[in-house]
Amino acid sequence: QFTTLVPGTRTPLLKGINFQVPAGQTLAVVGPSGSGK
């Protein structure tokens, strides 16, 4: 449930992120520009 904001504002950059990466696995994060990668 990770959420973070633009510094000095209440505008969210990430909203309620949930995922797990087991040890030793490789995870790719994809998405359009400005998606929060």
Full PDB file with SEQRES, HELIX, SHEET, SSBOND, CRYST1, ORIGX, SCALE, CONECT and MASTER records, all heavy atoms in Angstrom:
SEQRES   1 A   37  GLN PHE THR THR LEU VAL PRO GLY THR ARG THR PRO LEU          
SEQRES   2 A   37  LEU LYS GLY ILE ASN PHE GLN VAL PRO ALA GLY GLN THR          
SEQRES   3 A   37  LEU ALA VAL VAL GLY PRO SER GLY SER GLY LYS                  
SHEET    1 AA1 2 PHE A   2  LEU A   5  0                                        
SHEET    2 AA1 2 PRO A  12  ILE A  17 -1                                        
CRYST1    1.000    1.000    1.000  90.00  90.00  90.00 P 1           1          
ORIGX1      1.000000  0.000000  0.000000        0.00000                         
ORIGX2      0.000000  1.000000  0.000000        0.00000                         
ORIGX3      0.000000  0.000000  1.000000        0.00000                         
SCALE1      1.000000  0.000000  0.000000        0.00000                         
SCALE2      0.000000  1.000000  0.000000        0.00000                         
SCALE3      0.000000  0.000000  1.000000        0.00000                         
ATOM      1  N   GLN A   1       0.824  -1.218   0.000  1.00  0.00           N  
ATOM      2  CA  GLN A   1       0.000   0.000   0.000  1.00  0.00           C  
ATOM      3  C   GLN A   1       0.858   1.268   0.000  1.00  0.00           C  
ATOM      4  O   GLN A   1       0.568   2.248   0.699  1.00  0.00           O  
ATOM      5  CB  GLN A   1      -0.942   0.006   1.222  1.00  0.00           C  
ATOM      6  CG  GLN A   1      -2.014  -1.044   1.186  1.00  0.00           C  
ATOM      7  CD  GLN A   1      -2.995  -0.830   0.028  1.00  0.00           C  
ATOM      8  OE1 GLN A   1      -3.315   0.306  -0.320  1.00  0.00           O  
ATOM      9  NE2 GLN A   1      -3.452  -1.925  -0.562  1.00  0.00           N  
ATOM     10  N   PHE A   2       1.905   1.272  -0.806  1.00  0.00           N  
ATOM     11  CA  PHE A   2       2.855   2.385  -0.778  1.00  0.00           C  
ATOM     12  C   PHE A   2       2.320   3.571  -1.572  1.00  0.00           C  
ATOM     13  O   PHE A   2       1.902   3.446  -2.716  1.00  0.00           O  
ATOM     14  CB  PHE A   2       4.207   1.942  -1.353  1.00  0.00           C  
ATOM     15  CG  PHE A   2       5.269   2.992  -1.233  1.00  0.00           C  
ATOM     16  CD1 PHE A   2       5.972   3.156  -0.058  1.00  0.00           C  
ATOM     17  CD2 PHE A   2       5.557   3.840  -2.300  1.00  0.00           C  
ATOM     18  CE1 PHE A   2       6.954   4.128   0.055  1.00  0.00           C  
ATOM     19  CE2 PHE A   2       6.522   4.810  -2.194  1.00  0.00           C  
ATOM     20  CZ  PHE A   2       7.232   4.955  -1.010  1.00  0.00           C  
ATOM     21  N   THR A   3       2.364   4.738  -0.926  1.00  0.00           N  
ATOM     22  CA  THR A   3       1.948   5.996  -1.548  1.00  0.00           C  
ATOM     23  C   THR A   3       3.003   7.051  -1.254  1.00  0.00           C  
ATOM     24  O   THR A   3       3.508   7.138  -0.140  1.00  0.00           O  
ATOM     25  CB  THR A   3       0.589   6.466  -0.996  1.00  0.00           C  
ATOM     26  OG1 THR A   3      -0.406   5.476  -1.301  1.00  0.00           O  
ATOM     27  CG2 THR A   3       0.170   7.794  -1.610  1.00  0.00           C  
ATOM     28  N   THR A   4       3.337   7.831  -2.263  1.00  0.00           N  
ATOM     29  CA  THR A   4       4.277   8.939  -2.059  1.00  0.00           C  
ATOM     30  C   THR A   4       3.767  10.166  -2.799  1.00  0.00           C  
ATOM     31  O   THR A   4       2.980  10.051  -3.745  1.00  0.00           O  
ATOM     32  CB  THR A   4       5.691   8.564  -2.543  1.00  0.00           C  
ATOM     33  OG1 THR A   4       6.598   9.602  -2.178  1.00  0.00           O  
ATOM     34  CG2 THR A   4       5.734   8.351  -4.044  1.00  0.00           C  
ATOM     35  N   LEU A   5       4.212  11.347  -2.356  1.00  0.00           N  
ATOM     36  CA  LEU A   5       3.675  12.611  -2.851  1.00  0.00           C  
ATOM     37  C   LEU A   5       4.753  13.438  -3.532  1.00  0.00           C  
ATOM     38  O   LEU A   5       5.956  13.237  -3.296  1.00  0.00           O  
ATOM     39  CB  LEU A   5       3.075  13.422  -1.685  1.00  0.00           C  
ATOM     40  CG  LEU A   5       2.067  12.713  -0.788  1.00  0.00           C  
ATOM     41  CD1 LEU A   5       1.687  13.616   0.387  1.00  0.00           C  
ATOM     42  CD2 LEU A   5       0.826  12.319  -1.580  1.00  0.00           C  
ATOM     43  N   VAL A   6       4.322  14.385  -4.356  1.00  0.00           N  
ATOM     44  CA  VAL A   6       5.230  15.394  -4.888  1.00  0.00           C  
ATOM     45  C   VAL A   6       5.758  16.211  -3.709  1.00  0.00           C  
ATOM     46  O   VAL A   6       4.972  16.651  -2.858  1.00  0.00           O  
ATOM     47  CB  VAL A   6       4.501  16.315  -5.888  1.00  0.00           C  
ATOM     48  CG1 VAL A   6       5.429  17.437  -6.352  1.00  0.00           C  
ATOM     49  CG2 VAL A   6       3.987  15.516  -7.073  1.00  0.00           C  
ATOM     50  N   PRO A   7       7.094  16.400  -3.587  1.00  0.00           N  
ATOM     51  CA  PRO A   7       7.646  17.127  -2.433  1.00  0.00           C  
ATOM     52  C   PRO A   7       6.983  18.473  -2.222  1.00  0.00           C  
ATOM     53  O   PRO A   7       6.837  19.265  -3.147  1.00  0.00           O  
ATOM     54  CB  PRO A   7       9.130  17.283  -2.812  1.00  0.00           C  
ATOM     55  CG  PRO A   7       9.409  16.130  -3.719  1.00  0.00           C  
ATOM     56  CD  PRO A   7       8.141  15.921  -4.495  1.00  0.00           C  
ATOM     57  N   GLY A   8       6.541  18.715  -0.987  1.00  0.00           N  
ATOM     58  CA  GLY A   8       5.936  19.986  -0.624  1.00  0.00           C  
ATOM     59  C   GLY A   8       4.481  20.140  -1.015  1.00  0.00           C  
ATOM     60  O   GLY A   8       3.918  21.221  -0.848  1.00  0.00           O  
ATOM     61  N   THR A   9       3.852  19.068  -1.544  1.00  0.00           N  
ATOM     62  CA  THR A   9       2.446  19.147  -1.947  1.00  0.00           C  
ATOM     63  C   THR A   9       1.702  17.921  -1.427  1.00  0.00           C  
ATOM     64  O   THR A   9       2.284  17.056  -0.789  1.00  0.00           O  
ATOM     65  CB  THR A   9       2.299  19.212  -3.483  1.00  0.00           C  
ATOM     66  OG1 THR A   9       2.618  17.918  -4.036  1.00  0.00           O  
ATOM     67  CG2 THR A   9       3.241  20.247  -4.077  1.00  0.00           C  
ATOM     68  N   ARG A  10       0.408  17.871  -1.729  1.00  0.00           N  
ATOM     69  CA  ARG A  10      -0.401  16.694  -1.404  1.00  0.00           C  
ATOM     70  C   ARG A  10      -0.757  15.912  -2.660  1.00  0.00           C  
ATOM     71  O   ARG A  10      -1.639  15.060  -2.655  1.00  0.00           O  
ATOM     72  CB  ARG A  10      -1.693  17.129  -0.696  1.00  0.00           C  
ATOM     73  CG  ARG A  10      -1.494  17.899   0.598  1.00  0.00           C  
ATOM     74  CD  ARG A  10      -0.740  17.085   1.626  1.00  0.00           C  
ATOM     75  NE  ARG A  10      -1.448  15.862   1.968  1.00  0.00           N  
ATOM     76  CZ  ARG A  10      -0.953  14.906   2.744  1.00  0.00           C  
ATOM     77  NH1 ARG A  10       0.286  15.020   3.225  1.00  0.00           N  
ATOM     78  NH2 ARG A  10      -1.655  13.822   3.018  1.00  0.00           N  
ATOM     79  N   THR A  11      -0.053  16.193  -3.761  1.00  0.00           N  
ATOM     80  CA  THR A  11      -0.317  15.509  -5.032  1.00  0.00           C  
ATOM     81  C   THR A  11       0.380  14.159  -5.055  1.00  0.00           C  
ATOM     82  O   THR A  11       1.610  14.100  -4.885  1.00  0.00           O  
ATOM     83  CB  THR A  11       0.172  16.353  -6.215  1.00  0.00           C  
ATOM     84  OG1 THR A  11      -0.428  17.650  -6.144  1.00  0.00           O  
ATOM     85  CG2 THR A  11      -0.171  15.681  -7.529  1.00  0.00           C  
ATOM     86  N   PRO A  12      -0.344  13.068  -5.225  1.00  0.00           N  
ATOM     87  CA  PRO A  12       0.306  11.748  -5.185  1.00  0.00           C  
ATOM     88  C   PRO A  12       1.089  11.456  -6.460  1.00  0.00           C  
ATOM     89  O   PRO A  12       0.663  11.787  -7.571  1.00  0.00           O  
ATOM     90  CB  PRO A  12      -0.878  10.782  -5.036  1.00  0.00           C  
ATOM     91  CG  PRO A  12      -2.040  11.506  -5.632  1.00  0.00           C  
ATOM     92  CD  PRO A  12      -1.809  12.968  -5.377  1.00  0.00           C  
ATOM     93  N   LEU A  13       2.255  10.853  -6.261  1.00  0.00           N  
ATOM     94  CA  LEU A  13       3.041  10.341  -7.384  1.00  0.00           C  
ATOM     95  C   LEU A  13       2.785   8.852  -7.586  1.00  0.00           C  
ATOM     96  O   LEU A  13       2.679   8.374  -8.702  1.00  0.00           O  
ATOM     97  CB  LEU A  13       4.532  10.587  -7.137  1.00  0.00           C  
ATOM     98  CG  LEU A  13       5.022  12.026  -7.273  1.00  0.00           C  
ATOM     99  CD1 LEU A  13       6.442  12.151  -6.744  1.00  0.00           C  
ATOM    100  CD2 LEU A  13       4.950  12.490  -8.708  1.00  0.00           C  
ATOM    101  N   LEU A  14       2.724   8.134  -6.472  1.00  0.00           N  
ATOM    102  CA  LEU A  14       2.386   6.714  -6.486  1.00  0.00           C  
ATOM    103  C   LEU A  14       1.195   6.507  -5.569  1.00  0.00           C  
ATOM    104  O   LEU A  14       1.111   7.127  -4.502  1.00  0.00           O  
ATOM    105  CB  LEU A  14       3.566   5.860  -6.006  1.00  0.00           C  
ATOM    106  CG  LEU A  14       4.854   5.924  -6.838  1.00  0.00           C  
ATOM    107  CD1 LEU A  14       5.942   5.073  -6.187  1.00  0.00           C  
ATOM    108  CD2 LEU A  14       4.612   5.472  -8.273  1.00  0.00           C  
ATOM    109  N   LYS A  15       0.288   5.607  -5.966  1.00  0.00           N  
ATOM    110  CA  LYS A  15      -0.954   5.438  -5.213  1.00  0.00           C  
ATOM    111  C   LYS A  15      -1.180   3.960  -4.895  1.00  0.00           C  
ATOM    112  O   LYS A  15      -1.469   3.163  -5.794  1.00  0.00           O  
ATOM    113  CB  LYS A  15      -2.136   5.985  -6.028  1.00  0.00           C  
ATOM    114  CG  LYS A  15      -2.052   7.481  -6.303  1.00  0.00           C  
ATOM    115  CD  LYS A  15      -3.043   7.937  -7.342  1.00  0.00           C  
ATOM    116  CE  LYS A  15      -2.572   7.613  -8.749  1.00  0.00           C  
ATOM    117  NZ  LYS A  15      -3.409   8.219  -9.800  1.00  0.00           N  
ATOM    118  N   GLY A  16      -1.024   3.596  -3.623  1.00  0.00           N  
ATOM    119  CA  GLY A  16      -1.371   2.258  -3.152  1.00  0.00           C  
ATOM    120  C   GLY A  16      -0.676   1.126  -3.892  1.00  0.00           C  
ATOM    121  O   GLY A  16      -1.328   0.166  -4.306  1.00  0.00           O  
ATOM    122  N   ILE A  17       0.632   1.220  -4.047  1.00  0.00           N  
ATOM    123  CA  ILE A  17       1.387   0.204  -4.783  1.00  0.00           C  
ATOM    124  C   ILE A  17       1.524  -1.063  -3.939  1.00  0.00           C  
ATOM    125  O   ILE A  17       1.901  -1.009  -2.768  1.00  0.00           O  
ATOM    126  CB  ILE A  17       2.780   0.728  -5.176  1.00  0.00           C  
ATOM    127  CG1 ILE A  17       2.641   2.015  -6.003  1.00  0.00           C  
ATOM    128  CG2 ILE A  17       3.566  -0.333  -5.937  1.00  0.00           C  
ATOM    129  CD1 ILE A  17       1.980   1.831  -7.328  1.00  0.00           C  
ATOM    130  N   ASN A  18       1.228  -2.220  -4.547  1.00  0.00           N  
ATOM    131  CA  ASN A  18       1.364  -3.513  -3.878  1.00  0.00           C  
ATOM    132  C   ASN A  18       2.027  -4.503  -4.837  1.00  0.00           C  
ATOM    133  O   ASN A  18       1.540  -4.692  -5.957  1.00  0.00           O  
ATOM    134  CB  ASN A  18       0.003  -4.085  -3.460  1.00  0.00           C  
ATOM    135  CG  ASN A  18      -0.549  -3.405  -2.219  1.00  0.00           C  
ATOM    136  OD1 ASN A  18      -0.068  -3.634  -1.116  1.00  0.00           O  
ATOM    137  ND2 ASN A  18      -1.542  -2.553  -2.413  1.00  0.00           N  
ATOM    138  N   PHE A  19       3.126  -5.114  -4.413  1.00  0.00           N  
ATOM    139  CA  PHE A  19       3.714  -6.235  -5.142  1.00  0.00           C  
ATOM    140  C   PHE A  19       4.837  -6.827  -4.298  1.00  0.00           C  
ATOM    141  O   PHE A  19       5.295  -6.213  -3.328  1.00  0.00           O  
ATOM    142  CB  PHE A  19       4.241  -5.818  -6.525  1.00  0.00           C  
ATOM    143  CG  PHE A  19       5.430  -4.897  -6.488  1.00  0.00           C  
ATOM    144  CD1 PHE A  19       6.732  -5.392  -6.494  1.00  0.00           C  
ATOM    145  CD2 PHE A  19       5.252  -3.525  -6.472  1.00  0.00           C  
ATOM    146  CE1 PHE A  19       7.824  -4.546  -6.473  1.00  0.00           C  
ATOM    147  CE2 PHE A  19       6.340  -2.666  -6.446  1.00  0.00           C  
ATOM    148  CZ  PHE A  19       7.623  -3.175  -6.440  1.00  0.00           C  
ATOM    149  N   GLN A  20       5.268  -8.011  -4.669  1.00  0.00           N  
ATOM    150  CA  GLN A  20       6.373  -8.692  -3.992  1.00  0.00           C  
ATOM    151  C   GLN A  20       7.347  -9.231  -5.035  1.00  0.00           C  
ATOM    152  O   GLN A  20       6.948  -9.634  -6.125  1.00  0.00           O  
ATOM    153  CB  GLN A  20       5.868  -9.843  -3.119  1.00  0.00           C  
ATOM    154  CG  GLN A  20       5.101  -9.394  -1.885  1.00  0.00           C  
ATOM    155  CD  GLN A  20       4.743 -10.569  -0.989  1.00  0.00           C  
ATOM    156  OE1 GLN A  20       4.872 -11.717  -1.397  1.00  0.00           O  
ATOM    157  NE2 GLN A  20       4.286 -10.270   0.211  1.00  0.00           N  
ATOM    158  N   VAL A  21       8.632  -9.208  -4.662  1.00  0.00           N  
ATOM    159  CA  VAL A  21       9.679  -9.785  -5.500  1.00  0.00           C  
ATOM    160  C   VAL A  21      10.445 -10.796  -4.648  1.00  0.00           C  
ATOM    161  O   VAL A  21      11.150 -10.399  -3.723  1.00  0.00           O  
ATOM    162  CB  VAL A  21      10.644  -8.708  -6.041  1.00  0.00           C  
ATOM    163  CG1 VAL A  21      11.676  -9.350  -6.976  1.00  0.00           C  
ATOM    164  CG2 VAL A  21       9.893  -7.600  -6.752  1.00  0.00           C  
ATOM    165  N   PRO A  22      10.301 -12.087  -4.912  1.00  0.00           N  
ATOM    166  CA  PRO A  22      11.071 -13.085  -4.159  1.00  0.00           C  
ATOM    167  C   PRO A  22      12.569 -12.891  -4.387  1.00  0.00           C  
ATOM    168  O   PRO A  22      12.999 -12.348  -5.417  1.00  0.00           O  
ATOM    169  CB  PRO A  22      10.585 -14.417  -4.736  1.00  0.00           C  
ATOM    170  CG  PRO A  22       9.262 -14.103  -5.354  1.00  0.00           C  
ATOM    171  CD  PRO A  22       9.366 -12.701  -5.862  1.00  0.00           C  
ATOM    172  N   ALA A  23      13.345 -13.331  -3.438  1.00  0.00           N  
ATOM    173  CA  ALA A  23      14.791 -13.203  -3.544  1.00  0.00           C  
ATOM    174  C   ALA A  23      15.296 -13.927  -4.778  1.00  0.00           C  
ATOM    175  O   ALA A  23      14.885 -15.041  -5.088  1.00  0.00           O  
ATOM    176  CB  ALA A  23      15.452 -13.778  -2.291  1.00  0.00           C  
ATOM    177  N   GLY A  24      16.187 -13.261  -5.509  1.00  0.00           N  
ATOM    178  CA  GLY A  24      16.802 -13.870  -6.682  1.00  0.00           C  
ATOM    179  C   GLY A  24      16.018 -13.714  -7.964  1.00  0.00           C  
ATOM    180  O   GLY A  24      16.502 -14.094  -9.028  1.00  0.00           O  
ATOM    181  N   GLN A  25      14.815 -13.164  -7.910  1.00  0.00           N  
ATOM    182  CA  GLN A  25      14.037 -12.982  -9.136  1.00  0.00           C  
ATOM    183  C   GLN A  25      14.373 -11.649  -9.807  1.00  0.00           C  
ATOM    184  O   GLN A  25      14.900 -10.721  -9.186  1.00  0.00           O  
ATOM    185  CB  GLN A  25      12.539 -13.042  -8.839  1.00  0.00           C  
ATOM    186  CG  GLN A  25      11.991 -14.446  -8.753  1.00  0.00           C  
ATOM    187  CD  GLN A  25      10.489 -14.480  -9.036  1.00  0.00           C  
ATOM    188  OE1 GLN A  25       9.846 -13.472  -9.262  1.00  0.00           O  
ATOM    189  NE2 GLN A  25       9.939 -15.681  -9.023  1.00  0.00           N  
ATOM    190  N   THR A  26      14.031 -11.574 -11.089  1.00  0.00           N  
ATOM    191  CA  THR A  26      14.243 -10.360 -11.873  1.00  0.00           C  
ATOM    192  C   THR A  26      12.887  -9.809 -12.301  1.00  0.00           C  
ATOM    193  O   THR A  26      12.093 -10.510 -12.920  1.00  0.00           O  
ATOM    194  CB  THR A  26      15.098 -10.659 -13.115  1.00  0.00           C  
ATOM    195  OG1 THR A  26      16.357 -11.176 -12.691  1.00  0.00           O  
ATOM    196  CG2 THR A  26      15.331  -9.397 -13.921  1.00  0.00           C  
ATOM    197  N   LEU A  27      12.649  -8.542 -11.948  1.00  0.00           N  
ATOM    198  CA  LEU A  27      11.369  -7.897 -12.236  1.00  0.00           C  
ATOM    199  C   LEU A  27      11.602  -6.718 -13.171  1.00  0.00           C  
ATOM    200  O   LEU A  27      12.457  -5.855 -12.908  1.00  0.00           O  
ATOM    201  CB  LEU A  27      10.721  -7.399 -10.944  1.00  0.00           C  
ATOM    202  CG  LEU A  27       9.438  -6.569 -11.094  1.00  0.00           C  
ATOM    203  CD1 LEU A  27       8.280  -7.456 -11.527  1.00  0.00           C  
ATOM    204  CD2 LEU A  27       9.103  -5.834  -9.799  1.00  0.00           C  
ATOM    205  N   ALA A  28      10.852  -6.657 -14.257  1.00  0.00           N  
ATOM    206  CA  ALA A  28      10.871  -5.501 -15.155  1.00  0.00           C  
ATOM    207  C   ALA A  28       9.688  -4.606 -14.813  1.00  0.00           C  
ATOM    208  O   ALA A  28       8.577  -5.083 -14.588  1.00  0.00           O  
ATOM    209  CB  ALA A  28      10.801  -5.954 -16.606  1.00  0.00           C  
ATOM    210  N   VAL A  29       9.931  -3.310 -14.765  1.00  0.00           N  
ATOM    211  CA  VAL A  29       8.872  -2.321 -14.527  1.00  0.00           C  
ATOM    212  C   VAL A  29       8.685  -1.546 -15.816  1.00  0.00           C  
ATOM    213  O   VAL A  29       9.625  -0.915 -16.320  1.00  0.00           O  
ATOM    214  CB  VAL A  29       9.243  -1.376 -13.371  1.00  0.00           C  
ATOM    215  CG1 VAL A  29       8.112  -0.384 -13.118  1.00  0.00           C  
ATOM    216  CG2 VAL A  29       9.557  -2.163 -12.106  1.00  0.00           C  
ATOM    217  N   VAL A  30       7.487  -1.609 -16.384  1.00  0.00           N  
ATOM    218  CA  VAL A  30       7.219  -0.975 -17.669  1.00  0.00           C  
ATOM    219  C   VAL A  30       6.008  -0.062 -17.541  1.00  0.00           C  
ATOM    220  O   VAL A  30       5.246  -0.146 -16.579  1.00  0.00           O  
ATOM    221  CB  VAL A  30       6.965  -2.030 -18.775  1.00  0.00           C  
ATOM    222  CG1 VAL A  30       8.166  -2.944 -18.947  1.00  0.00           C  
ATOM    223  CG2 VAL A  30       5.709  -2.844 -18.468  1.00  0.00           C  
ATOM    224  N   GLY A  31       5.854   0.787 -18.535  1.00  0.00           N  
ATOM    225  CA  GLY A  31       4.729   1.711 -18.551  1.00  0.00           C  
ATOM    226  C   GLY A  31       5.089   2.942 -19.338  1.00  0.00           C  
ATOM    227  O   GLY A  31       6.267   3.202 -19.637  1.00  0.00           O  
ATOM    228  N   PRO A  32       4.115   3.751 -19.704  1.00  0.00           N  
ATOM    229  CA  PRO A  32       4.394   4.971 -20.474  1.00  0.00           C  
ATOM    230  C   PRO A  32       5.149   5.991 -19.630  1.00  0.00           C  
ATOM    231  O   PRO A  32       5.237   5.885 -18.408  1.00  0.00           O  
ATOM    232  CB  PRO A  32       2.991   5.480 -20.843  1.00  0.00           C  
ATOM    233  CG  PRO A  32       2.096   4.915 -19.788  1.00  0.00           C  
ATOM    234  CD  PRO A  32       2.683   3.576 -19.421  1.00  0.00           C  
ATOM    235  N   SER A  33       5.698   6.992 -20.297  1.00  0.00           N  
ATOM    236  CA  SER A  33       6.385   8.074 -19.594  1.00  0.00           C  
ATOM    237  C   SER A  33       5.430   8.754 -18.618  1.00  0.00           C  
ATOM    238  O   SER A  33       4.275   9.021 -18.951  1.00  0.00           O  
ATOM    239  CB  SER A  33       6.919   9.100 -20.598  1.00  0.00           C  
ATOM    240  OG  SER A  33       7.872   8.509 -21.454  1.00  0.00           O  
ATOM    241  N   GLY A  34       5.933   9.018 -17.412  1.00  0.00           N  
ATOM    242  CA  GLY A  34       5.104   9.646 -16.387  1.00  0.00           C  
ATOM    243  C   GLY A  34       4.228   8.686 -15.628  1.00  0.00           C  
ATOM    244  O   GLY A  34       3.386   9.113 -14.824  1.00  0.00           O  
ATOM    245  N   SER A  35       4.418   7.387 -15.833  1.00  0.00           N  
ATOM    246  CA  SER A  35       3.580   6.409 -15.137  1.00  0.00           C  
ATOM    247  C   SER A  35       4.038   6.156 -13.709  1.00  0.00           C  
ATOM    248  O   SER A  35       3.314   5.540 -12.930  1.00  0.00           O  
ATOM    249  CB  SER A  35       3.559   5.088 -15.912  1.00  0.00           C  
ATOM    250  OG  SER A  35       4.872   4.556 -16.035  1.00  0.00           O  
ATOM    251  N   GLY A  36       5.255   6.598 -13.363  1.00  0.00           N  
ATOM    252  CA  GLY A  36       5.738   6.426 -11.994  1.00  0.00           C  
ATOM    253  C   GLY A  36       6.838   5.391 -11.850  1.00  0.00           C  
ATOM    254  O   GLY A  36       7.180   5.025 -10.723  1.00  0.00           O  
ATOM    255  N   LYS A  37       7.431   4.950 -12.946  1.00  0.00           N  
ATOM    256  CA  LYS A  37       8.473   3.926 -12.878  1.00  0.00           C  
ATOM    257  C   LYS A  37       9.683   4.419 -12.088  1.00  0.00           C  
ATOM    258  O   LYS A  37      10.145   3.761 -11.153  1.00  0.00           O  
ATOM    259  CB  LYS A  37       8.904   3.510 -14.289  1.00  0.00           C  
ATOM    260  CG  LYS A  37       7.796   2.949 -15.160  1.00  0.00           C  
ATOM    261  CD  LYS A  37       8.312   2.400 -16.468  1.00  0.00           C  
ATOM    262  CE  LYS A  37       9.054   3.431 -17.287  1.00  0.00           C  
ATOM    263  NZ  LYS A  37       8.205   4.566 -17.698  1.00  0.00           N  
TER     264      LYS A  37                                                      
MASTER        0    0    0    0    2    0    0    6  263    1    0    3          
END                                                                             
